[in-house]
Amino acid sequence: MLPGFLWGIASRPGRAQTPYPGLDKTTTIDDQIIQPEQLTVSQTRDLLWVVVNGTTILNVYNDPQVTGTITAVTQWTAPANTIVAGDMNAHHLHWRTDRPNTRCGTQLAEWAEQQGLRLLNEPDANTTRARLRRRPSTIDLAFANIDHACAVVEEHLTTGSLHYTVCIEALAAEAPRRV
């Protein structure tokens, strides 16, 4: 059986300072060697690239007050076996049919299509809670070019923020076995 990975995405994922302590440590789970490696593709704390056993993961926080995050993402070429996920703060009819497209949403949707990345979220599934005079939204997104990858909004796994947890599951390439 191929090992699966499960990632949780919460709000403001890229806010820690880089490099992330302990990220490059190899560990073993159920006789599978887990080998993470952090990549430095862009010098920003709002984007984190990690390769785990051949699967590239880009974690994004698109701060509405900072320009250039989505541009940096859309200038990157996604390799095979990639997951892109995070708080995109972007609206598009592909993932939320009752909101108009934003510039960032259009950029992101066009880039994902060009890269062969498909949206893993169910369209119109809320990823944020409603708050005073604001309705819920779908801004925490997950894309992948991995067959059978999926994402589920887990409202019961609250982090205490306005964002729900989005769990992503994808079968990874066969991990090296411990000998």
Foldseek 3Di string as FASTA:
>chain_A
DFDKDKDKEDAQVLPDDPPDPPQQDWDDDPQFIWGKDWDPPDPDSQWTWIAIQNAIEIEGHDPPVDPDRLVSVLVDADDARYKYWYQQVFDDCVAEVVDHGDPSNVSNVVSCVVNQKDWQDDRPDFFFPADDVGHTDPRTTMIHNAPPKHKDFDQVPDPPHRGTIIMIMGGDDHGDGDD
